[in-house]
Amino acid sequence: MALPNNLRNKLALPMVAAPLFIISNPDLVIAQCKAGVVGSFPALNARPAAELEVWLERISSELKAHDEANPDTPAAPFAVNHIVHGSNDRLQHDLEMCVKYQVPIVITSLGAKPEVNEAVHSYGGMVFHDIISNRFARKAIDKGADGLIAVAAGAGGHAGTTSPFALVQEIREWFDGPLLLSGSIATGDAILAAQAMGADLGYMGSAFIATVEANAEQAYKQAIVDNAAADIVYSSLFTGVHGNYLRPSIEAAGLDPDRLGEGDPAQMDFGSGGNTDAKAWKDIWGCGQGIGAVKAVVPTAELVARLQAEYQAARERLLAS
């Protein structure tokens, strides 16, 4: 597929670590990149807005120092996620910071704007837009995105309901550019399967919640270890957009996971970072269906090493069959 060489050649594993709201921080991103996978974080995680430049400076400088000390095993590039929604009053500021620090990859969500893509292209960066349907995929490419992130059924956080097989097949009928696939990916086998069906890279998030570096409370990390696909609830109540969440966290909030109402998309608010600390839903834990593969809270490097071993074993198993 059409994955740029400057990205392909820097990856120890064909995978992008998805940006995790609240959870992704510089410690996690740096560990992911040093382990050889694209690390990412939502720009809105850096609060207040001035903190974003502190994060970008630290990530850029630490990865540069790593590359200088390890020329044979350079770090993977990093990515920043922007919520391109009308309520996000930080978008312009955050985008300017990404241009200043020439962030290699920008991930856009909840809206596609040509001016965002143009700003990233001005310094040679790439834009990957996440979508849940073929219709939205076409819109994103029409507006100038370089690649697509197909968020299929079973993905953590905001997710669609389309089978990954169907979504990738429909997109590949007309698009031959970079394509990432998300949806219950938590093993090296699943990353190889994503490539087999036509994606260039896997896009994995939930397993990284259960890492030492993640900015998640210990109970959240342990819940990733203790639960499985049957414990995931799909609902729009909490943000106005459908997503997958851990059943125990919903129950802990005093709600019945089987009797949740519908959220109002018009009430989505990402102003000045989303004011999530003041929201009743801040303790509702997003999570995908692939967590049954997560058996312990481990350092990021150990998680990526497991994925690499599983990926290689899966390749060898198929070649031998």
C-alpha atoms as a PDB file:
ATOM      1  CA  MET A   1       0.000   0.000   0.000  1.00  0.00           C
ATOM      2  CA  ALA A   2       0.968   3.670  -0.237  1.00  0.00           C
ATOM      3  CA  LEU A   3       2.638   4.208   3.125  1.00  0.00           C
ATOM      4  CA  PRO A   4       5.385   6.864   2.924  1.00  0.00           C
ATOM      5  CA  ASN A   5       8.882   5.430   3.345  1.00  0.00           C
ATOM      6  CA  ASN A   6       9.769   7.972   6.027  1.00  0.00           C
ATOM      7  CA  LEU A   7       7.025   6.402   8.122  1.00  0.00           C
ATOM      8  CA  ARG A   8       7.349   2.763   7.096  1.00  0.00           C
ATOM      9  CA  ASN A   9      11.099   2.650   7.706  1.00  0.00           C
ATOM     10  CA  LYS A  10      10.845   3.988  11.251  1.00  0.00           C
ATOM     11  CA  LEU A  11       8.376   1.440  12.588  1.00  0.00           C
ATOM     12  CA  ALA A  12       9.356  -1.692  14.475  1.00  0.00           C
ATOM     13  CA  LEU A  13       5.732  -2.798  14.174  1.00  0.00           C
ATOM     14  CA  PRO A  14       3.092  -1.593  11.674  1.00  0.00           C
ATOM     15  CA  MET A  15       0.975   0.179  14.241  1.00  0.00           C
ATOM     16  CA  VAL A  16      -0.156   3.563  15.505  1.00  0.00           C
ATOM     17  CA  ALA A  17      -1.021   3.908  19.189  1.00  0.00           C
ATOM     18  CA  ALA A  18      -4.326   5.761  19.280  1.00  0.00           C
ATOM     19  CA  PRO A  19      -4.685   9.056  21.169  1.00  0.00           C
ATOM     20  CA  LEU A  20      -6.452   8.388  24.469  1.00  0.00           C
ATOM     21  CA  PHE A  21      -8.495  11.193  26.024  1.00  0.00           C
ATOM     22  CA  ILE A  22      -6.971  12.179  29.398  1.00  0.00           C
ATOM     23  CA  ILE A  23      -4.790   9.037  29.417  1.00  0.00           C
ATOM     24  CA  SER A  24      -2.180   9.813  26.740  1.00  0.00           C
ATOM     25  CA  ASN A  25       0.616  11.997  28.135  1.00  0.00           C
ATOM     26  CA  PRO A  26       4.264  12.700  27.207  1.00  0.00           C
ATOM     27  CA  ASP A  27       5.538   9.718  29.225  1.00  0.00           C
ATOM     28  CA  LEU A  28       3.302   7.326  27.283  1.00  0.00           C
ATOM     29  CA  VAL A  29       3.940   8.903  23.880  1.00  0.00           C
ATOM     30  CA  ILE A  30       7.707   8.905  24.322  1.00  0.00           C
ATOM     31  CA  ALA A  31       7.679   5.274  25.466  1.00  0.00           C
ATOM     32  CA  GLN A  32       5.547   4.259  22.488  1.00  0.00           C
ATOM     33  CA  CYS A  33       7.806   6.012  19.982  1.00  0.00           C
ATOM     34  CA  LYS A  34      10.992   4.607  21.528  1.00  0.00           C
ATOM     35  CA  ALA A  35       9.448   1.126  21.327  1.00  0.00           C
ATOM     36  CA  GLY A  36       8.975   1.610  17.585  1.00  0.00           C
ATOM     37  CA  VAL A  37       5.289   2.459  17.164  1.00  0.00           C
ATOM     38  CA  VAL A  38       3.705   5.844  16.468  1.00  0.00           C
ATOM     39  CA  GLY A  39       2.742   7.419  19.782  1.00  0.00           C
ATOM     40  CA  SER A  40      -0.024   9.992  19.927  1.00  0.00           C
ATOM     41  CA  PHE A  41      -2.041  12.203  22.245  1.00  0.00           C
ATOM     42  CA  PRO A  42      -5.084  14.492  21.965  1.00  0.00           C
ATOM     43  CA  ALA A  43      -4.033  18.155  21.961  1.00  0.00           C
ATOM     44  CA  LEU A  44      -6.800  18.816  24.491  1.00  0.00           C
ATOM     45  CA  ASN A  45      -5.058  16.576  27.038  1.00  0.00           C
ATOM     46  CA  ALA A  46      -2.501  19.350  27.565  1.00  0.00           C
ATOM     47  CA  ARG A  47      -4.229  21.808  29.904  1.00  0.00           C
ATOM     48  CA  PRO A  48      -4.246  24.732  30.051  1.00  0.00           C
ATOM     49  CA  ALA A  49      -3.562  25.504  26.395  1.00  0.00           C
ATOM     50  CA  ALA A  50      -0.065  26.844  27.147  1.00  0.00           C
ATOM     51  CA  GLU A  51       0.902  23.368  28.379  1.00  0.00           C
ATOM     52  CA  LEU A  52       0.716  22.017  24.826  1.00  0.00           C
ATOM     53  CA  GLU A  53       3.964  23.754  23.862  1.00  0.00           C
ATOM     54  CA  VAL A  54       5.651  22.284  26.953  1.00  0.00           C
ATOM     55  CA  TRP A  55       4.549  18.812  25.859  1.00  0.00           C
ATOM     56  CA  LEU A  56       5.641  19.287  22.258  1.00  0.00           C
ATOM     57  CA  GLU A  57       9.037  20.628  23.297  1.00  0.00           C
ATOM     58  CA  ARG A  58       9.648  17.712  25.645  1.00  0.00           C
ATOM     59  CA  ILE A  59       8.509  15.001  23.215  1.00  0.00           C
ATOM     60  CA  SER A  60      10.468  16.485  20.309  1.00  0.00           C
ATOM     61  CA  SER A  61      13.677  16.946  22.304  1.00  0.00           C
ATOM     62  CA  GLU A  62      13.594  13.535  23.979  1.00  0.00           C
ATOM     63  CA  LEU A  63      12.956  11.708  20.713  1.00  0.00           C
ATOM     64  CA  LYS A  64      15.743  13.686  19.019  1.00  0.00           C
ATOM     65  CA  ALA A  65      18.142  12.760  21.812  1.00  0.00           C
ATOM     66  CA  HIS A  66      17.089   9.117  21.516  1.00  0.00           C
ATOM     67  CA  ASP A  67      17.758   9.100  17.774  1.00  0.00           C
ATOM     68  CA  GLU A  68      21.194  10.649  18.242  1.00  0.00           C
ATOM     69  CA  ALA A  69      22.094   8.013  20.823  1.00  0.00           C
ATOM     70  CA  ASN A  70      20.537   5.144  18.853  1.00  0.00           C
ATOM     71  CA  PRO A  71      21.069   5.819  15.128  1.00  0.00           C
ATOM     72  CA  ASP A  72      20.374   2.185  14.208  1.00  0.00           C
ATOM     73  CA  THR A  73      17.044   2.071  16.056  1.00  0.00           C
ATOM     74  CA  PRO A  74      15.477   5.527  15.761  1.00  0.00           C
ATOM     75  CA  ALA A  75      12.194   6.312  17.464  1.00  0.00           C
ATOM     76  CA  ALA A  76       8.961   6.190  15.509  1.00  0.00           C
ATOM     77  CA  PRO A  77       7.353   9.563  14.737  1.00  0.00           C
ATOM     78  CA  PHE A  78       4.642  10.952  16.996  1.00  0.00           C
ATOM     79  CA  ALA A  79       1.183  12.303  16.286  1.00  0.00           C
ATOM     80  CA  VAL A  80      -1.200  14.866  17.762  1.00  0.00           C
ATOM     81  CA  ASN A  81      -4.971  14.513  17.595  1.00  0.00           C
ATOM     82  CA  HIS A  82      -7.201  17.542  17.002  1.00  0.00           C
ATOM     83  CA  ILE A  83     -10.949  17.625  17.575  1.00  0.00           C
ATOM     84  CA  VAL A  84     -12.157  19.565  14.529  1.00  0.00           C
ATOM     85  CA  HIS A  85     -15.528  20.434  16.032  1.00  0.00           C
ATOM     86  CA  GLY A  86     -17.129  23.853  16.190  1.00  0.00           C
ATOM     87  CA  SER A  87     -17.079  23.893  19.995  1.00  0.00           C
ATOM     88  CA  ASN A  88     -13.307  23.399  20.214  1.00  0.00           C
ATOM     89  CA  ASP A  89     -12.134  26.980  20.732  1.00  0.00           C
ATOM     90  CA  ARG A  90      -8.538  25.787  21.088  1.00  0.00           C
ATOM     91  CA  LEU A  91      -8.213  24.389  17.586  1.00  0.00           C
ATOM     92  CA  GLN A  92      -6.445  27.371  16.008  1.00  0.00           C
ATOM     93  CA  HIS A  93      -3.979  27.745  18.888  1.00  0.00           C
ATOM     94  CA  ASP A  94      -3.241  24.035  19.041  1.00  0.00           C
ATOM     95  CA  LEU A  95      -2.792  23.797  15.283  1.00  0.00           C
ATOM     96  CA  GLU A  96      -0.338  26.714  15.341  1.00  0.00           C
ATOM     97  CA  MET A  97       1.717  24.870  17.951  1.00  0.00           C
ATOM     98  CA  CYS A  98       1.811  21.760  15.753  1.00  0.00           C
ATOM     99  CA  VAL A  99       3.018  23.861  12.839  1.00  0.00           C
ATOM    100  CA  LYS A 100       5.686  25.494  15.031  1.00  0.00           C
ATOM    101  CA  TYR A 101       7.023  22.108  16.172  1.00  0.00           C
ATOM    102  CA  GLN A 102       6.394  20.434  12.803  1.00  0.00           C
ATOM    103  CA  VAL A 103       4.492  17.512  14.289  1.00  0.00           C
ATOM    104  CA  PRO A 104       5.028  14.642  11.819  1.00  0.00           C
ATOM    105  CA  ILE A 105       1.460  13.285  11.898  1.00  0.00           C
ATOM    106  CA  VAL A 106      -1.799  15.018  12.749  1.00  0.00           C
ATOM    107  CA  ILE A 107      -4.922  12.964  13.448  1.00  0.00           C
ATOM    108  CA  THR A 108      -8.229  14.774  12.955  1.00  0.00           C
ATOM    109  CA  SER A 109     -11.589  13.783  14.446  1.00  0.00           C
ATOM    110  CA  LEU A 110     -15.209  14.940  14.449  1.00  0.00           C
ATOM    111  CA  GLY A 111     -14.857  17.179  11.420  1.00  0.00           C
ATOM    112  CA  ALA A 112     -12.664  17.628   8.345  1.00  0.00           C
ATOM    113  CA  LYS A 113     -11.488  21.095   7.306  1.00  0.00           C
ATOM    114  CA  PRO A 114      -9.242  21.861   4.307  1.00  0.00           C
ATOM    115  CA  GLU A 115      -7.504  24.690   6.190  1.00  0.00           C
ATOM    116  CA  VAL A 116      -6.343  22.257   8.890  1.00  0.00           C
ATOM    117  CA  ASN A 117      -4.896  19.925   6.276  1.00  0.00           C
ATOM    118  CA  GLU A 118      -3.228  22.823   4.452  1.00  0.00           C
ATOM    119  CA  ALA A 119      -1.557  24.023   7.644  1.00  0.00           C
ATOM    120  CA  VAL A 120      -0.051  20.581   8.284  1.00  0.00           C
ATOM    121  CA  HIS A 121       1.003  20.190   4.660  1.00  0.00           C
ATOM    122  CA  SER A 122       2.806  23.548   4.835  1.00  0.00           C
ATOM    123  CA  TYR A 123       5.740  21.929   6.637  1.00  0.00           C
ATOM    124  CA  GLY A 124       5.461  18.439   5.119  1.00  0.00           C
ATOM    125  CA  GLY A 125       3.329  16.797   7.793  1.00  0.00           C
ATOM    126  CA  MET A 126       0.702  14.135   7.164  1.00  0.00           C
ATOM    127  CA  VAL A 127      -2.975  14.202   8.133  1.00  0.00           C
ATOM    128  CA  PHE A 128      -4.905  11.045   8.985  1.00  0.00           C
ATOM    129  CA  HIS A 129      -8.648  11.502   9.519  1.00  0.00           C
ATOM    130  CA  ASP A 130     -10.685   9.017  11.534  1.00  0.00           C
ATOM    131  CA  ILE A 131     -14.001   7.874  10.073  1.00  0.00           C
ATOM    132  CA  ILE A 132     -16.730   5.310  10.804  1.00  0.00           C
ATOM    133  CA  SER A 133     -18.183   4.942   7.295  1.00  0.00           C
ATOM    134  CA  ASN A 134     -17.197   4.948   3.645  1.00  0.00           C
ATOM    135  CA  ARG A 135     -19.239   8.119   3.133  1.00  0.00           C
ATOM    136  CA  PHE A 136     -17.210  10.038   5.711  1.00  0.00           C
ATOM    137  CA  ALA A 137     -14.023   8.553   4.268  1.00  0.00           C
ATOM    138  CA  ARG A 138     -14.745  10.085   0.861  1.00  0.00           C
ATOM    139  CA  LYS A 139     -15.472  13.464   2.442  1.00  0.00           C
ATOM    140  CA  ALA A 140     -12.185  13.438   4.352  1.00  0.00           C
ATOM    141  CA  ILE A 141     -10.104  12.694   1.264  1.00  0.00           C
ATOM    142  CA  ASP A 142     -12.033  15.255  -0.784  1.00  0.00           C
ATOM    143  CA  LYS A 143     -11.052  17.880   1.812  1.00  0.00           C
ATOM    144  CA  GLY A 144      -7.364  17.014   1.618  1.00  0.00           C
ATOM    145  CA  ALA A 145      -6.568  14.354   4.222  1.00  0.00           C
ATOM    146  CA  ASP A 146      -3.590  12.147   3.323  1.00  0.00           C
ATOM    147  CA  GLY A 147      -4.848   8.984   4.967  1.00  0.00           C
ATOM    148  CA  LEU A 148      -7.787   7.411   6.753  1.00  0.00           C
ATOM    149  CA  ILE A 149      -8.330   5.708  10.077  1.00  0.00           C
ATOM    150  CA  ALA A 150     -11.215   3.272   9.748  1.00  0.00           C
ATOM    151  CA  VAL A 151     -12.808   3.058  13.190  1.00  0.00           C
ATOM    152  CA  ALA A 152     -14.783  -0.162  12.939  1.00  0.00           C
ATOM    153  CA  ALA A 153     -17.024  -2.103  15.296  1.00  0.00           C
ATOM    154  CA  GLY A 154     -15.462  -2.888  18.651  1.00  0.00           C
ATOM    155  CA  ALA A 155     -13.114   0.101  18.839  1.00  0.00           C
ATOM    156  CA  GLY A 156     -12.705   1.983  22.088  1.00  0.00           C
ATOM    157  CA  GLY A 157     -14.098   5.468  22.621  1.00  0.00           C
ATOM    158  CA  HIS A 158     -16.115   6.901  19.732  1.00  0.00           C
ATOM    159  CA  ALA A 159     -16.655   4.003  17.351  1.00  0.00           C
ATOM    160  CA  GLY A 160     -18.811   2.818  14.497  1.00  0.00           C
ATOM    161  CA  THR A 161     -20.781  -0.381  14.032  1.00  0.00           C
ATOM    162  CA  THR A 162     -19.504  -1.511  10.636  1.00  0.00           C
ATOM    163  CA  SER A 163     -17.503  -4.722  10.338  1.00  0.00           C
ATOM    164  CA  PRO A 164     -13.806  -4.045   9.691  1.00  0.00           C
ATOM    165  CA  PHE A 165     -13.955  -6.440   6.722  1.00  0.00           C
ATOM    166  CA  ALA A 166     -16.741  -4.446   5.084  1.00  0.00           C
ATOM    167  CA  LEU A 167     -15.305  -1.025   5.905  1.00  0.00           C
ATOM    168  CA  VAL A 168     -11.810  -1.767   4.589  1.00  0.00           C
ATOM    169  CA  GLN A 169     -13.169  -3.466   1.473  1.00  0.00           C
ATOM    170  CA  GLU A 170     -15.384  -0.504   0.576  1.00  0.00           C
ATOM    171  CA  ILE A 171     -12.617   2.046   1.148  1.00  0.00           C
ATOM    172  CA  ARG A 172     -10.045   0.068  -0.819  1.00  0.00           C
ATOM    173  CA  GLU A 173     -12.340   0.020  -3.858  1.00  0.00           C
ATOM    174  CA  TRP A 174     -11.444   3.672  -4.486  1.00  0.00           C
ATOM    175  CA  PHE A 175      -8.620   4.692  -2.117  1.00  0.00           C
ATOM    176  CA  ASP A 176      -5.047   3.388  -2.344  1.00  0.00           C
ATOM    177  CA  GLY A 177      -3.462   5.789   0.150  1.00  0.00           C
ATOM    178  CA  PRO A 178      -2.519   5.186   3.788  1.00  0.00           C
ATOM    179  CA  LEU A 179      -5.241   3.288   5.638  1.00  0.00           C
ATOM    180  CA  LEU A 180      -5.235   2.449   9.341  1.00  0.00           C
ATOM    181  CA  LEU A 181      -7.714   0.074  10.959  1.00  0.00           C
ATOM    182  CA  SER A 182      -9.146   0.272  14.466  1.00  0.00           C
ATOM    183  CA  GLY A 183     -11.510  -2.113  16.217  1.00  0.00           C
ATOM    184  CA  SER A 184     -10.612  -4.618  18.956  1.00  0.00           C
ATOM    185  CA  ILE A 185      -6.937  -4.748  17.970  1.00  0.00           C
ATOM    186  CA  ALA A 186      -4.947  -5.883  21.000  1.00  0.00           C
ATOM    187  CA  THR A 187      -2.632  -8.602  19.646  1.00  0.00           C
ATOM    188  CA  GLY A 188       0.084  -8.913  17.043  1.00  0.00           C
ATOM    189  CA  ASP A 189      -2.135 -11.416  15.244  1.00  0.00           C
ATOM    190  CA  ALA A 190      -4.817  -8.734  14.857  1.00  0.00           C
ATOM    191  CA  ILE A 191      -2.297  -6.256  13.435  1.00  0.00           C
ATOM    192  CA  LEU A 192      -1.277  -8.806  10.793  1.00  0.00           C
ATOM    193  CA  ALA A 193      -4.947  -9.526  10.068  1.00  0.00           C
ATOM    194  CA  ALA A 194      -5.566  -5.807   9.504  1.00  0.00           C
ATOM    195  CA  GLN A 195      -2.789  -5.797   6.916  1.00  0.00           C
ATOM    196  CA  ALA A 196      -4.097  -8.968   5.296  1.00  0.00           C
ATOM    197  CA  MET A 197      -7.490  -7.400   4.686  1.00  0.00           C
ATOM    198  CA  GLY A 198      -5.967  -4.283   3.127  1.00  0.00           C
ATOM    199  CA  ALA A 199      -4.952  -1.837   5.856  1.00  0.00           C
ATOM    200  CA  ASP A 200      -1.403  -0.507   6.089  1.00  0.00           C
ATOM    201  CA  LEU A 201      -1.292  -0.168   9.862  1.00  0.00           C
ATOM    202  CA  GLY A 202      -3.179  -1.267  12.930  1.00  0.00           C
ATOM    203  CA  TYR A 203      -4.562   1.442  15.226  1.00  0.00           C
ATOM    204  CA  MET A 204      -4.688   0.318  18.833  1.00  0.00           C
ATOM    205  CA  GLY A 205      -5.643   2.174  21.989  1.00  0.00           C
ATOM    206  CA  SER A 206      -7.300   0.306  24.840  1.00  0.00           C
ATOM    207  CA  ALA A 207      -4.402  -2.031  25.649  1.00  0.00           C
ATOM    208  CA  PHE A 208      -2.201   1.016  26.325  1.00  0.00           C
ATOM    209  CA  ILE A 209      -4.505   2.082  29.160  1.00  0.00           C
ATOM    210  CA  ALA A 210      -3.071  -0.834  31.135  1.00  0.00           C
ATOM    211  CA  THR A 211       0.512   0.408  30.951  1.00  0.00           C
ATOM    212  CA  VAL A 212       2.714   1.880  33.649  1.00  0.00           C
ATOM    213  CA  GLU A 213       3.102   5.177  31.782  1.00  0.00           C
ATOM    214  CA  ALA A 214      -0.596   5.802  31.099  1.00  0.00           C
ATOM    215  CA  ASN A 215      -2.312   8.648  32.946  1.00  0.00           C
ATOM    216  CA  ALA A 216      -5.140   6.486  34.266  1.00  0.00           C
ATOM    217  CA  GLU A 217      -6.055   5.627  37.830  1.00  0.00           C
ATOM    218  CA  GLN A 218      -5.028   2.173  38.958  1.00  0.00           C
ATOM    219  CA  ALA A 219      -8.636   0.952  39.145  1.00  0.00           C
ATOM    220  CA  TYR A 220      -9.122   1.828  35.460  1.00  0.00           C
ATOM    221  CA  LYS A 221      -5.955  -0.017  34.475  1.00  0.00           C
ATOM    222  CA  GLN A 222      -6.973  -3.065  36.493  1.00  0.00           C
ATOM    223  CA  ALA A 223     -10.447  -2.998  34.945  1.00  0.00           C
ATOM    224  CA  ILE A 224      -8.830  -3.378  31.513  1.00  0.00           C
ATOM    225  CA  VAL A 225      -7.079  -6.497  32.815  1.00  0.00           C
ATOM    226  CA  ASP A 226     -10.107  -7.947  34.607  1.00  0.00           C
ATOM    227  CA  ASN A 227     -12.774  -7.491  31.920  1.00  0.00           C
ATOM    228  CA  ALA A 228     -13.448  -8.719  28.393  1.00  0.00           C
ATOM    229  CA  ALA A 229     -15.605  -8.054  25.326  1.00  0.00           C
ATOM    230  CA  ALA A 230     -18.842  -8.960  27.113  1.00  0.00           C
ATOM    231  CA  ASP A 231     -18.206  -6.107  29.561  1.00  0.00           C
ATOM    232  CA  ILE A 232     -18.267  -3.374  26.900  1.00  0.00           C
ATOM    233  CA  VAL A 233     -21.369  -1.195  26.455  1.00  0.00           C
ATOM    234  CA  TYR A 234     -22.100   0.863  23.326  1.00  0.00           C
ATOM    235  CA  SER A 235     -23.854   4.146  24.113  1.00  0.00           C
ATOM    236  CA  SER A 236     -24.232   7.785  23.027  1.00  0.00           C
ATOM    237  CA  LEU A 237     -25.381   8.993  26.465  1.00  0.00           C
ATOM    238  CA  PHE A 238     -22.054  10.293  27.713  1.00  0.00           C
ATOM    239  CA  THR A 239     -20.830  12.499  24.852  1.00  0.00           C
ATOM    240  CA  GLY A 240     -23.637  12.633  22.312  1.00  0.00           C
ATOM    241  CA  VAL A 241     -21.669  10.361  19.964  1.00  0.00           C
ATOM    242  CA  HIS A 242     -21.833   6.572  20.203  1.00  0.00           C
ATOM    243  CA  GLY A 243     -18.846   4.922  21.828  1.00  0.00           C
ATOM    244  CA  ASN A 244     -17.765   1.867  23.790  1.00  0.00           C
ATOM    245  CA  TYR A 245     -17.404   1.945  27.571  1.00  0.00           C
ATOM    246  CA  LEU A 246     -16.620  -0.402  30.447  1.00  0.00           C
ATOM    247  CA  ARG A 247     -19.767  -1.731  32.113  1.00  0.00           C
ATOM    248  CA  PRO A 248     -18.332  -1.658  35.670  1.00  0.00           C
ATOM    249  CA  SER A 249     -17.638   2.087  35.426  1.00  0.00           C
ATOM    250  CA  ILE A 250     -21.215   2.748  34.314  1.00  0.00           C
ATOM    251  CA  GLU A 251     -22.555   0.703  37.213  1.00  0.00           C
ATOM    252  CA  ALA A 252     -20.247   2.538  39.628  1.00  0.00           C
ATOM    253  CA  ALA A 253     -21.843   5.810  38.482  1.00  0.00           C
ATOM    254  CA  GLY A 254     -25.228   4.475  39.620  1.00  0.00           C
ATOM    255  CA  LEU A 255     -26.556   3.769  36.125  1.00  0.00           C
ATOM    256  CA  ASP A 256     -28.042   0.629  34.603  1.00  0.00           C
ATOM    257  CA  PRO A 257     -25.889  -0.239  31.552  1.00  0.00           C
ATOM    258  CA  ASP A 258     -28.853  -2.042  29.981  1.00  0.00           C
ATOM    259  CA  ARG A 259     -31.174   0.965  30.296  1.00  0.00           C
ATOM    260  CA  LEU A 260     -29.141   3.943  29.127  1.00  0.00           C
ATOM    261  CA  GLY A 261     -30.825   6.806  27.313  1.00  0.00           C
ATOM    262  CA  GLU A 262     -29.566   8.480  24.172  1.00  0.00           C
ATOM    263  CA  GLY A 263     -27.189  11.437  24.224  1.00  0.00           C
ATOM    264  CA  ASP A 264     -27.764  14.664  22.284  1.00  0.00           C
ATOM    265  CA  PRO A 265     -25.068  15.370  19.648  1.00  0.00           C
ATOM    266  CA  ALA A 266     -25.938  19.061  19.884  1.00  0.00           C
ATOM    267  CA  GLN A 267     -24.633  19.068  23.455  1.00  0.00           C
ATOM    268  CA  MET A 268     -21.084  18.062  22.508  1.00  0.00           C
ATOM    269  CA  ASP A 269     -18.701  20.609  24.005  1.00  0.00           C
ATOM    270  CA  PHE A 270     -14.946  20.673  23.528  1.00  0.00           C
ATOM    271  CA  GLY A 271     -14.536  24.304  24.496  1.00  0.00           C
ATOM    272  CA  SER A 272     -11.205  25.101  26.205  1.00  0.00           C
ATOM    273  CA  GLY A 273     -10.401  21.437  26.596  1.00  0.00           C
ATOM    274  CA  GLY A 274     -13.871  20.036  27.054  1.00  0.00           C
ATOM    275  CA  ASN A 275     -14.357  20.972  30.738  1.00  0.00           C
ATOM    276  CA  THR A 276     -14.513  17.246  31.493  1.00  0.00           C
ATOM    277  CA  ASP A 277     -13.444  17.695  35.101  1.00  0.00           C
ATOM    278  CA  ALA A 278     -16.806  19.311  35.769  1.00  0.00           C
ATOM    279  CA  LYS A 279     -18.817  16.653  33.985  1.00  0.00           C
ATOM    280  CA  ALA A 280     -20.594  13.810  35.717  1.00  0.00           C
ATOM    281  CA  TRP A 281     -19.292  11.398  33.081  1.00  0.00           C
ATOM    282  CA  LYS A 282     -15.578  11.879  33.734  1.00  0.00           C
ATOM    283  CA  ASP A 283     -15.406   8.523  35.536  1.00  0.00           C
ATOM    284  CA  ILE A 284     -17.090   6.583  32.727  1.00  0.00           C
ATOM    285  CA  TRP A 285     -14.235   4.597  31.220  1.00  0.00           C
ATOM    286  CA  GLY A 286     -13.928   4.267  27.464  1.00  0.00           C
ATOM    287  CA  CYS A 287     -12.651   0.950  26.185  1.00  0.00           C
ATOM    288  CA  GLY A 288     -12.727  -1.331  23.133  1.00  0.00           C
ATOM    289  CA  GLN A 289     -13.751  -4.971  22.873  1.00  0.00           C
ATOM    290  CA  GLY A 290     -10.229  -6.361  22.471  1.00  0.00           C
ATOM    291  CA  ILE A 291      -9.236  -6.138  26.138  1.00  0.00           C
ATOM    292  CA  GLY A 292      -9.551  -9.863  26.760  1.00  0.00           C
ATOM    293  CA  ALA A 293      -5.983 -10.083  25.427  1.00  0.00           C
ATOM    294  CA  VAL A 294      -4.659  -7.808  28.205  1.00  0.00           C
ATOM    295  CA  LYS A 295      -3.492  -9.919  31.153  1.00  0.00           C
ATOM    296  CA  ALA A 296      -1.464  -7.472  33.263  1.00  0.00           C
ATOM    297  CA  VAL A 297      -0.450  -3.849  33.710  1.00  0.00           C
ATOM    298  CA  VAL A 298       3.003  -3.617  32.131  1.00  0.00           C
ATOM    299  CA  PRO A 299       5.494  -1.027  30.858  1.00  0.00           C
ATOM    300  CA  THR A 300       4.802   0.168  27.320  1.00  0.00           C
ATOM    301  CA  ALA A 301       8.014  -1.404  26.008  1.00  0.00           C
ATOM    302  CA  GLU A 302       6.893  -4.791  27.324  1.00  0.00           C
ATOM    303  CA  LEU A 303       3.474  -4.466  25.676  1.00  0.00           C
ATOM    304  CA  VAL A 304       5.012  -3.579  22.308  1.00  0.00           C
ATOM    305  CA  ALA A 305       7.500  -6.445  22.640  1.00  0.00           C
ATOM    306  CA  ARG A 306       4.575  -8.845  23.165  1.00  0.00           C
ATOM    307  CA  LEU A 307       2.830  -7.475  20.084  1.00  0.00           C
ATOM    308  CA  GLN A 308       6.007  -7.846  18.018  1.00  0.00           C
ATOM    309  CA  ALA A 309       6.456 -11.467  19.092  1.00  0.00           C
ATOM    310  CA  GLU A 310       2.819 -12.280  18.332  1.00  0.00           C
ATOM    311  CA  TYR A 311       3.002 -10.535  14.958  1.00  0.00           C
ATOM    312  CA  GLN A 312       6.092 -12.476  13.923  1.00  0.00           C
ATOM    313  CA  ALA A 313       4.665 -15.774  15.165  1.00  0.00           C
ATOM    314  CA  ALA A 314       1.457 -15.179  13.210  1.00  0.00           C
ATOM    315  CA  ARG A 315       3.437 -14.447  10.030  1.00  0.00           C
ATOM    316  CA  GLU A 316       5.490 -17.613  10.449  1.00  0.00           C
ATOM    317  CA  ARG A 317       2.375 -19.678  11.167  1.00  0.00           C
ATOM    318  CA  LEU A 318       0.695 -18.494   7.968  1.00  0.00           C
ATOM    319  CA  LEU A 319       3.789 -18.986   5.842  1.00  0.00           C
ATOM    320  CA  ALA A 320       4.105 -22.537   7.134  1.00  0.00           C
ATOM    321  CA  SER A 321       0.491 -23.475   6.415  1.00  0.00           C
END
